[in-house]
């Protein structure tokens, strides 16, 4: 009996030694992430309230001037004077340039003389019909028409009007206030077939940009836009959407047009800009982006309760450049920790700073 019992005892001892003694008791993720260090961390908090949330949509766009005109001379005469230069700001009606007017003035005098002779012939025809120009209101309309044709009055009247127009067109005037651009012609040269210059009004320019088809429902007329040039990223111009093209191109993009203020004259024709569309989505529970941290691949927000940081799993909906909309996990009135929360754990002691 002693010989058989000793091996059994040894076997039982070996089995007990090999059996697991480590027991895991993880009640939940929060408790498993408590920290040992009890020194309070300095944090900043914000009280959670329903606030207006602006959805941000970012795109790239191009500046187009609100008014733009390519000006040309209608006649090919030598340019006698140029009164402006590229980049110069002009006002409506300001003189830009003028051609040599000798030929136009001569043609006007010829047209005036021809019209004077035709006017005399016109009177002779009427007298032959028993009428006088003094009684023009009494002359039948058909008689007047025939008399003007026979005397050449109508033709010479038209020639005179054209001569006056050609003389006036020998001088270019600004059709609206703006900036001179694309002026390449010099004095004492012919203007050629290209535009003499371009007048650009960029006081309230338009910005053209595209959004994805899926983003189209998020954009409405009059939504606020913020425009920043890539060349000077610190500058911002504000405006609103004025046009949404109801058509989707072959790339699945929708063309949007907005008008922005340019009081500082920073935005110029053809400039590439960053466009930020802000759409007001109404009252929501909004937290700063810095309040959200990742724990075990899930979104966590810490709230302050009785001097300790409490771990809260959350779900978010929309976001913009600095905020999230919380759809689940927090309540109105919660004190949300948004600074100093990187190394916090559940029930970490904290102290608020301002």
Foldseek 3Di string as FASTA:
>chain_A
DVVVVVVVVVVVVVVVVPDDDDDDDDPDPQVVFADDDQDAFAFAWDFWDWDWAWFKDKWKWWWAFPDKDQADQPDWAFWADADDDAFDWDFFFAWGTFGPCPVLVVQLVVLVVVLVQLVVQLQVQQVVVVDGVVVVVPDDPVSSVVSCVVSVNVVSVVSNVVSVVNNVSRIDGHNGIAGKADQDDDGRHTCPDGGNIMGGHRQWIKIKTKDALVCVVVADWFFKKWKAFPVGRVDIWIWTWDDWPPDADPVRITMTMIITGDNVVPHDGGTMIMMMTIDTPGIFGKDWPLQWDADPNFTWWWFDDPQFTATWTWDFDGDHPTMTGTDDTDDRGTTTTRPSCHSHGHGRGHDYDD
